[in-house]
Structures are given as C-alpha cells and as structure tokens.
Amino acid sequence: LGAPEVSKLSSMGDDHQWETRRTDDEEKKWYNILRIPCARTALLHGISAGVAFAFVHFVRTKHILSSSDYGVITFGVVSIGSWSYCQYKRDKKIQEIKDFAESVNELQRRRKRKQDESLSSNGLLEDD
C-alpha cells in the first residue's frame, strides 16, 4: 500500500484545509465505480432489465442478434434512467438537509438576538 499523498486544497488567511489522497493503484481498479453514489443500484436495474427484455424478445422472435441488441439498449437506457432518478432524489435530500440546517441556524441566531436585546434592555449587557 502506498503512502497517502497530502495535497493542499485552499488557504485563506490563517485557515488551512488539507485533504489526504491515496496514490496507489487500488484507486484505479474497476470496482471502485461502485463507490459512486447510485451506481450500484443503477447497474443492477440496468442488467436485470436488459437480460429480461432480451430473453422475452428472444422467446418471441427467436433472433439472437436482435435480442442481444435490444438487451444492450435496454441496459443502457434503464441504467442511465435509474442513475439519473437516484441522483435527483439524492440531490433533493441533500438540499432538504441544507435547508433544515439553515433554518436551525436562523432560529439560533434569532434566539441569541432576543437574549442579547433582553439583556441590554435590563442593563446587564455592556454596549461596546
């Protein structure tokens, strides 16, 4: 196993963000495609739909070449469609989480502002 490579992402003022990245051949293997969000389910849906459609087409027509063509086309269409829909749902969920976090932050800011106003009106908080 290779040692991780450290690369600097950004530096603004005194704040530095660092990321470690693997440099070995493990990251270049074909099965890492399964780490892509929604890729596994999209491939499984595409494979199963392609095989099923090709089988049904072959049973009906007895033409192996056209059946395999239809199976490959079905695999591609279903895989892309399934991946797109999964990504859409994932992006929607991420946006909902961001919106919820922002609303919680806004609520905390309002509470802090009200607390500061009540303390300053009671003379407990010194104004700068």
C-alpha atoms as a PDB file:
ATOM      1  CA  LEU A   1       0.000   0.000   0.000  1.00  0.00           C
ATOM      2  CA  GLY A   2       1.301   3.389  -0.938  1.00  0.00           C
ATOM      3  CA  ALA A   3       1.523   6.233   1.497  1.00  0.00           C
ATOM      4  CA  PRO A   4      -1.217   8.834   1.246  1.00  0.00           C
ATOM      5  CA  GLU A   5      -0.322  11.992  -0.588  1.00  0.00           C
ATOM      6  CA  VAL A   6      -1.250  15.220   1.143  1.00  0.00           C
ATOM      7  CA  SER A   7      -2.490  17.997  -1.070  1.00  0.00           C
ATOM      8  CA  LYS A   8      -3.424  21.495  -0.057  1.00  0.00           C
ATOM      9  CA  LEU A   9      -6.987  22.392  -1.029  1.00  0.00           C
ATOM     10  CA  SER A  10      -7.185  26.049  -0.113  1.00  0.00           C
ATOM     11  CA  SER A  11      -5.631  28.573   2.149  1.00  0.00           C
ATOM     12  CA  MET A  12      -7.328  31.759   3.191  1.00  0.00           C
ATOM     13  CA  GLY A  13      -5.573  33.734   5.879  1.00  0.00           C
ATOM     14  CA  ASP A  14      -4.633  31.515   8.781  1.00  0.00           C
ATOM     15  CA  ASP A  15      -7.176  28.793   7.980  1.00  0.00           C
ATOM     16  CA  HIS A  16      -5.827  25.846   6.002  1.00  0.00           C
ATOM     17  CA  GLN A  17      -7.799  22.912   4.704  1.00  0.00           C
ATOM     18  CA  TRP A  18      -5.939  19.724   3.887  1.00  0.00           C
ATOM     19  CA  GLU A  19      -7.004  16.566   2.147  1.00  0.00           C
ATOM     20  CA  THR A  20      -5.292  13.196   2.025  1.00  0.00           C
ATOM     21  CA  ARG A  21      -5.441  11.275  -1.222  1.00  0.00           C
ATOM     22  CA  ARG A  22      -4.371   7.698  -1.930  1.00  0.00           C
ATOM     23  CA  THR A  23      -1.794   7.378  -4.684  1.00  0.00           C
ATOM     24  CA  ASP A  24      -1.638   3.602  -5.023  1.00  0.00           C
ATOM     25  CA  ASP A  25      -3.152   1.533  -7.815  1.00  0.00           C
ATOM     26  CA  GLU A  26      -6.080   0.483  -5.612  1.00  0.00           C
ATOM     27  CA  GLU A  27      -7.987   3.618  -6.509  1.00  0.00           C
ATOM     28  CA  LYS A  28      -7.723   2.892 -10.259  1.00  0.00           C
ATOM     29  CA  LYS A  29      -9.361  -0.532 -10.204  1.00  0.00           C
ATOM     30  CA  TRP A  30     -12.659  -1.038 -12.000  1.00  0.00           C
ATOM     31  CA  TYR A  31     -14.658  -1.994  -8.918  1.00  0.00           C
ATOM     32  CA  ASN A  32     -14.226   1.470  -7.454  1.00  0.00           C
ATOM     33  CA  ILE A  33     -17.086   2.505  -9.735  1.00  0.00           C
ATOM     34  CA  LEU A  34     -19.310   1.041  -7.036  1.00  0.00           C
ATOM     35  CA  ARG A  35     -18.232   3.872  -4.738  1.00  0.00           C
ATOM     36  CA  ILE A  36     -20.022   6.348  -6.992  1.00  0.00           C
ATOM     37  CA  PRO A  37     -23.369   7.234  -5.420  1.00  0.00           C
ATOM     38  CA  CYS A  38     -26.275   5.362  -7.058  1.00  0.00           C
ATOM     39  CA  ALA A  39     -24.001   3.415  -9.445  1.00  0.00           C
ATOM     40  CA  ARG A  40     -24.605   0.007  -7.904  1.00  0.00           C
ATOM     41  CA  THR A  41     -28.393   0.172  -7.987  1.00  0.00           C
ATOM     42  CA  ALA A  42     -28.404   1.700 -11.469  1.00  0.00           C
ATOM     43  CA  LEU A  43     -26.197  -1.085 -12.819  1.00  0.00           C
ATOM     44  CA  LEU A  44     -28.275  -3.778 -11.135  1.00  0.00           C
ATOM     45  CA  HIS A  45     -31.502  -2.315 -12.522  1.00  0.00           C
ATOM     46  CA  GLY A  46     -29.968  -1.996 -15.990  1.00  0.00           C
ATOM     47  CA  ILE A  47     -28.557  -5.521 -16.041  1.00  0.00           C
ATOM     48  CA  SER A  48     -31.764  -7.133 -14.837  1.00  0.00           C
ATOM     49  CA  ALA A  49     -33.960  -5.130 -17.232  1.00  0.00           C
ATOM     50  CA  GLY A  50     -31.609  -5.803 -20.168  1.00  0.00           C
ATOM     51  CA  VAL A  51     -31.474  -9.549 -19.533  1.00  0.00           C
ATOM     52  CA  ALA A  52     -35.229  -9.768 -19.019  1.00  0.00           C
ATOM     53  CA  PHE A  53     -36.051  -7.776 -22.148  1.00  0.00           C
ATOM     54  CA  ALA A  54     -33.538  -9.711 -24.258  1.00  0.00           C
ATOM     55  CA  PHE A  55     -34.949 -13.017 -23.013  1.00  0.00           C
ATOM     56  CA  VAL A  56     -38.551 -12.009 -23.734  1.00  0.00           C
ATOM     57  CA  HIS A  57     -37.576 -10.700 -27.170  1.00  0.00           C
ATOM     58  CA  PHE A  58     -35.694 -13.909 -27.962  1.00  0.00           C
ATOM     59  CA  VAL A  59     -38.625 -16.100 -26.876  1.00  0.00           C
ATOM     60  CA  ARG A  60     -40.980 -14.126 -29.106  1.00  0.00           C
ATOM     61  CA  THR A  61     -38.759 -13.734 -32.209  1.00  0.00           C
ATOM     62  CA  LYS A  62     -36.066 -16.456 -31.985  1.00  0.00           C
ATOM     63  CA  HIS A  63     -33.481 -13.930 -33.317  1.00  0.00           C
ATOM     64  CA  ILE A  64     -30.449 -13.951 -31.048  1.00  0.00           C
ATOM     65  CA  LEU A  65     -28.664 -10.921 -32.560  1.00  0.00           C
ATOM     66  CA  SER A  66     -31.611  -8.548 -32.439  1.00  0.00           C
ATOM     67  CA  SER A  67     -32.490  -9.819 -28.955  1.00  0.00           C
ATOM     68  CA  SER A  68     -28.976  -9.071 -27.709  1.00  0.00           C
ATOM     69  CA  ASP A  69     -29.101  -5.637 -29.351  1.00  0.00           C
ATOM     70  CA  TYR A  70     -32.367  -4.862 -27.596  1.00  0.00           C
ATOM     71  CA  GLY A  71     -30.933  -6.172 -24.331  1.00  0.00           C
ATOM     72  CA  VAL A  72     -27.893  -3.888 -24.546  1.00  0.00           C
ATOM     73  CA  ILE A  73     -30.032  -0.881 -25.477  1.00  0.00           C
ATOM     74  CA  THR A  74     -32.411  -1.633 -22.598  1.00  0.00           C
ATOM     75  CA  PHE A  75     -29.461  -1.985 -20.226  1.00  0.00           C
ATOM     76  CA  GLY A  76     -28.142   1.441 -21.234  1.00  0.00           C
ATOM     77  CA  VAL A  77     -31.470   3.238 -21.090  1.00  0.00           C
ATOM     78  CA  VAL A  78     -32.544   1.723 -17.765  1.00  0.00           C
ATOM     79  CA  SER A  79     -29.111   2.237 -16.173  1.00  0.00           C
ATOM     80  CA  ILE A  80     -28.933   5.892 -17.176  1.00  0.00           C
ATOM     81  CA  GLY A  81     -32.548   6.494 -16.188  1.00  0.00           C
ATOM     82  CA  SER A  82     -32.165   4.762 -12.835  1.00  0.00           C
ATOM     83  CA  TRP A  83     -28.922   6.592 -12.070  1.00  0.00           C
ATOM     84  CA  SER A  84     -30.446   9.958 -13.019  1.00  0.00           C
ATOM     85  CA  TYR A  85     -33.501   9.399 -10.847  1.00  0.00           C
ATOM     86  CA  CYS A  86     -31.376   8.238  -7.918  1.00  0.00           C
ATOM     87  CA  GLN A  87     -29.118  11.290  -8.261  1.00  0.00           C
ATOM     88  CA  TYR A  88     -32.181  13.544  -8.390  1.00  0.00           C
ATOM     89  CA  LYS A  89     -33.542  12.019  -5.162  1.00  0.00           C
ATOM     90  CA  ARG A  90     -30.112  12.241  -3.534  1.00  0.00           C
ATOM     91  CA  ASP A  91     -29.639  15.880  -4.502  1.00  0.00           C
ATOM     92  CA  LYS A  92     -33.144  16.694  -3.267  1.00  0.00           C
ATOM     93  CA  LYS A  93     -32.438  15.039   0.092  1.00  0.00           C
ATOM     94  CA  ILE A  94     -29.122  16.893   0.440  1.00  0.00           C
ATOM     95  CA  GLN A  95     -30.863  20.203  -0.320  1.00  0.00           C
ATOM     96  CA  GLU A  96     -33.551  19.438   2.291  1.00  0.00           C
ATOM     97  CA  ILE A  97     -30.834  18.760   4.870  1.00  0.00           C
ATOM     98  CA  LYS A  98     -29.084  22.034   3.992  1.00  0.00           C
ATOM     99  CA  ASP A  99     -32.371  23.950   4.235  1.00  0.00           C
ATOM    100  CA  PHE A 100     -33.136  22.360   7.607  1.00  0.00           C
ATOM    101  CA  ALA A 101     -29.652  23.189   8.925  1.00  0.00           C
ATOM    102  CA  GLU A 102     -30.032  26.788   7.738  1.00  0.00           C
ATOM    103  CA  SER A 103     -33.425  27.112   9.425  1.00  0.00           C
ATOM    104  CA  VAL A 104     -31.977  25.762  12.690  1.00  0.00           C
ATOM    105  CA  ASN A 105     -29.083  28.233  12.439  1.00  0.00           C
ATOM    106  CA  GLU A 106     -31.510  31.089  11.766  1.00  0.00           C
ATOM    107  CA  LEU A 107     -33.606  30.072  14.778  1.00  0.00           C
ATOM    108  CA  GLN A 108     -30.484  30.046  16.967  1.00  0.00           C
ATOM    109  CA  ARG A 109     -29.488  33.496  15.672  1.00  0.00           C
ATOM    110  CA  ARG A 110     -32.955  34.878  16.477  1.00  0.00           C
ATOM    111  CA  ARG A 111     -32.888  33.414  19.981  1.00  0.00           C
ATOM    112  CA  LYS A 112     -29.416  34.845  20.583  1.00  0.00           C
ATOM    113  CA  ARG A 113     -30.537  38.248  19.280  1.00  0.00           C
ATOM    114  CA  LYS A 114     -33.620  38.229  21.556  1.00  0.00           C
ATOM    115  CA  GLN A 115     -31.496  37.189  24.515  1.00  0.00           C
ATOM    116  CA  ASP A 116     -28.996  39.959  23.810  1.00  0.00           C
ATOM    117  CA  GLU A 117     -31.812  42.508  23.421  1.00  0.00           C
ATOM    118  CA  SER A 118     -33.406  41.475  26.708  1.00  0.00           C
ATOM    119  CA  LEU A 119     -30.052  41.607  28.500  1.00  0.00           C
ATOM    120  CA  SER A 120     -29.223  45.019  27.034  1.00  0.00           C
ATOM    121  CA  SER A 121     -32.682  46.390  27.920  1.00  0.00           C
ATOM    122  CA  ASN A 122     -32.202  45.192  31.506  1.00  0.00           C
ATOM    123  CA  GLY A 123     -28.772  46.832  31.597  1.00  0.00           C
ATOM    124  CA  LEU A 124     -26.963  43.543  32.089  1.00  0.00           C
ATOM    125  CA  LEU A 125     -25.097  43.634  28.785  1.00  0.00           C
ATOM    126  CA  GLU A 126     -22.493  46.328  28.229  1.00  0.00           C
ATOM    127  CA  ASP A 127     -22.535  48.064  24.845  1.00  0.00           C
ATOM    128  CA  ASP A 128     -19.159  48.454  23.161  1.00  0.00           C
END
